[in-house]
C-alpha atoms as a PDB file:
ATOM      1  CA  MET A   1     218.560 -67.690 101.486  1.00  0.00           C
ATOM      2  CA  LYS A   2     219.273 -68.221  97.798  1.00  0.00           C
ATOM      3  CA  PHE A   3     217.130 -67.540  94.725  1.00  0.00           C
ATOM      4  CA  LYS A   4     216.904 -71.305  94.123  1.00  0.00           C
ATOM      5  CA  ASP A   5     215.268 -71.683  97.573  1.00  0.00           C
ATOM      6  CA  LEU A   6     212.250 -69.567  96.576  1.00  0.00           C
ATOM      7  CA  LYS A   7     209.020 -71.494  96.009  1.00  0.00           C
ATOM      8  CA  PHE A   8     207.335 -69.952  92.964  1.00  0.00           C
ATOM      9  CA  LYS A   9     203.622 -70.572  92.517  1.00  0.00           C
ATOM     10  CA  LYS A  10     201.092 -69.679  89.835  1.00  0.00           C
ATOM     11  CA  GLN A  11     199.561 -66.289  90.643  1.00  0.00           C
ATOM     12  CA  THR A  12     196.133 -64.769  89.978  1.00  0.00           C
ATOM     13  CA  HIS A  13     197.797 -62.206  87.684  1.00  0.00           C
ATOM     14  CA  GLY A  14     198.691 -65.139  85.402  1.00  0.00           C
ATOM     15  CA  GLY A  15     202.415 -65.465  85.977  1.00  0.00           C
ATOM     16  CA  VAL A  16     204.409 -66.828  88.885  1.00  0.00           C
ATOM     17  CA  GLY A  17     205.460 -65.375  92.206  1.00  0.00           C
ATOM     18  CA  ALA A  18     207.224 -66.116  95.445  1.00  0.00           C
ATOM     19  CA  THR A  19     207.599 -64.431  98.808  1.00  0.00           C
ATOM     20  CA  ALA A  20     210.408 -64.575 101.316  1.00  0.00           C
ATOM     21  CA  GLU A  21     209.828 -63.703 104.954  1.00  0.00           C
ATOM     22  CA  PHE A  22     212.560 -62.111 107.045  1.00  0.00           C
ATOM     23  CA  LYS A  23     212.520 -60.659 110.563  1.00  0.00           C
ATOM     24  CA  ASP A  24     210.399 -57.557 109.942  1.00  0.00           C
ATOM     25  CA  ILE A  25     209.973 -57.562 106.182  1.00  0.00           C
ATOM     26  CA  THR A  26     208.481 -59.529 103.305  1.00  0.00           C
ATOM     27  CA  VAL A  27     210.031 -59.666  99.842  1.00  0.00           C
ATOM     28  CA  SER A  28     207.712 -60.363  96.895  1.00  0.00           C
ATOM     29  CA  ILE A  29     209.188 -61.537  93.580  1.00  0.00           C
ATOM     30  CA  GLN A  30     206.807 -61.696  90.599  1.00  0.00           C
ATOM     31  CA  GLY A  31     207.016 -62.569  86.903  1.00  0.00           C
ATOM     32  CA  GLY A  32     204.263 -62.341  84.311  1.00  0.00           C
ATOM     33  CA  GLN A  33     202.389 -60.401  81.664  1.00  0.00           C
ATOM     34  CA  PHE A  34     201.031 -57.755  84.047  1.00  0.00           C
ATOM     35  CA  VAL A  35     204.181 -57.146  86.116  1.00  0.00           C
ATOM     36  CA  TYR A  36     207.580 -55.644  85.334  1.00  0.00           C
ATOM     37  CA  SER A  37     209.483 -58.781  84.341  1.00  0.00           C
ATOM     38  CA  THR A  38     211.412 -60.140  81.372  1.00  0.00           C
ATOM     39  CA  PRO A  39     209.711 -61.554  79.465  1.00  0.00           C
ATOM     40  CA  ARG A  40     206.334 -59.945  80.125  1.00  0.00           C
ATOM     41  CA  LYS A  41     204.545 -63.227  79.507  1.00  0.00           C
ATOM     42  CA  ASP A  42     202.635 -65.615  81.715  1.00  0.00           C
ATOM     43  CA  LEU A  43     204.994 -68.555  82.088  1.00  0.00           C
ATOM     44  CA  LEU A  44     204.865 -71.381  84.614  1.00  0.00           C
ATOM     45  CA  ASP A  45     208.550 -71.729  85.499  1.00  0.00           C
ATOM     46  CA  SER A  46     210.654 -69.045  87.179  1.00  0.00           C
ATOM     47  CA  SER A  47     213.707 -70.238  85.236  1.00  0.00           C
ATOM     48  CA  GLN A  48     212.099 -68.817  82.085  1.00  0.00           C
ATOM     49  CA  TYR A  49     212.437 -65.238  83.403  1.00  0.00           C
ATOM     50  CA  THR A  50     215.621 -63.166  83.405  1.00  0.00           C
ATOM     51  CA  SER A  51     214.211 -60.341  85.547  1.00  0.00           C
ATOM     52  CA  PHE A  52     211.357 -59.872  88.004  1.00  0.00           C
ATOM     53  CA  GLU A  53     209.238 -57.269  89.731  1.00  0.00           C
ATOM     54  CA  VAL A  54     210.324 -56.976  93.369  1.00  0.00           C
ATOM     55  CA  ALA A  55     208.451 -55.332  96.231  1.00  0.00           C
ATOM     56  CA  ILE A  56     209.540 -55.167  99.852  1.00  0.00           C
ATOM     57  CA  PHE A  57     207.015 -54.533 102.639  1.00  0.00           C
ATOM     58  CA  ASP A  58     207.390 -53.812 106.340  1.00  0.00           C
ATOM     59  CA  LYS A  59     205.314 -55.661 108.935  1.00  0.00           C
ATOM     60  CA  GLU A  60     202.514 -53.070 108.556  1.00  0.00           C
ATOM     61  CA  GLY A  61     202.330 -53.729 104.804  1.00  0.00           C
ATOM     62  CA  ARG A  62     203.979 -50.455 103.697  1.00  0.00           C
ATOM     63  CA  PHE A  63     206.281 -50.423 100.675  1.00  0.00           C
ATOM     64  CA  ILE A  64     209.926 -50.007 101.720  1.00  0.00           C
ATOM     65  CA  THR A  65     211.520 -51.260  98.513  1.00  0.00           C
ATOM     66  CA  GLU A  66     213.553 -48.056  98.079  1.00  0.00           C
ATOM     67  CA  LYS A  67     215.439 -48.768 101.313  1.00  0.00           C
ATOM     68  CA  PHE A  68     216.913 -51.946  99.797  1.00  0.00           C
ATOM     69  CA  ILE A  69     217.026 -51.471  96.023  1.00  0.00           C
ATOM     70  CA  GLU A  70     218.648 -48.422  94.466  1.00  0.00           C
ATOM     71  CA  ASP A  71     216.808 -46.474  91.750  1.00  0.00           C
ATOM     72  CA  CYS A  72     213.439 -47.285  93.265  1.00  0.00           C
ATOM     73  CA  ALA A  73     211.122 -44.401  94.192  1.00  0.00           C
ATOM     74  CA  ASP A  74     209.237 -44.207  97.498  1.00  0.00           C
ATOM     75  CA  GLY A  75     206.267 -46.545  97.694  1.00  0.00           C
ATOM     76  CA  GLU A  76     207.029 -48.350  94.462  1.00  0.00           C
ATOM     77  CA  VAL A  77     208.204 -51.697  93.231  1.00  0.00           C
ATOM     78  CA  SER A  78     211.515 -52.390  91.540  1.00  0.00           C
ATOM     79  CA  GLY A  79     210.819 -53.445  87.966  1.00  0.00           C
ATOM     80  CA  TRP A  80     212.976 -55.626  85.751  1.00  0.00           C
ATOM     81  CA  THR A  81     215.243 -56.636  88.640  1.00  0.00           C
ATOM     82  CA  PRO A  82     217.841 -59.198  87.465  1.00  0.00           C
ATOM     83  CA  LYS A  83     218.062 -62.569  89.222  1.00  0.00           C
ATOM     84  CA  GLU A  84     221.616 -61.715  90.300  1.00  0.00           C
ATOM     85  CA  ARG A  85     220.389 -58.581  92.131  1.00  0.00           C
ATOM     86  CA  ILE A  86     217.626 -60.592  93.811  1.00  0.00           C
ATOM     87  CA  GLU A  87     220.178 -63.206  94.849  1.00  0.00           C
ATOM     88  CA  GLN A  88     222.316 -60.477  96.468  1.00  0.00           C
ATOM     89  CA  LEU A  89     219.288 -58.969  98.192  1.00  0.00           C
ATOM     90  CA  LEU A  90     218.248 -62.316  99.677  1.00  0.00           C
ATOM     91  CA  GLU A  91     221.795 -62.971 100.847  1.00  0.00           C
ATOM     92  CA  ASP A  92     222.043 -59.504 102.449  1.00  0.00           C
ATOM     93  CA  LEU A  93     218.732 -60.012 104.287  1.00  0.00           C
ATOM     94  CA  SER A  94     219.564 -63.511 105.560  1.00  0.00           C
END
């Protein structure tokens, strides 16, 4: 899977978001005013963001982001994650 394959939709937090489902995990990619993205504004097009908030969950809904993204503490999201890092993550998981 590639970043361009993600289907971003308007989110209740005001920005945009997409999810990608893999065998036993879900990856959430979010951009907007109330998440850790650049810019921290509510925009309607993912191409307007240079970084995103990323969270990775197991099938029970537990955060496991730290197992896939360095510098991420247990049970937390990865903030300000560049598109290039997300692209690599999606490729590694595919």
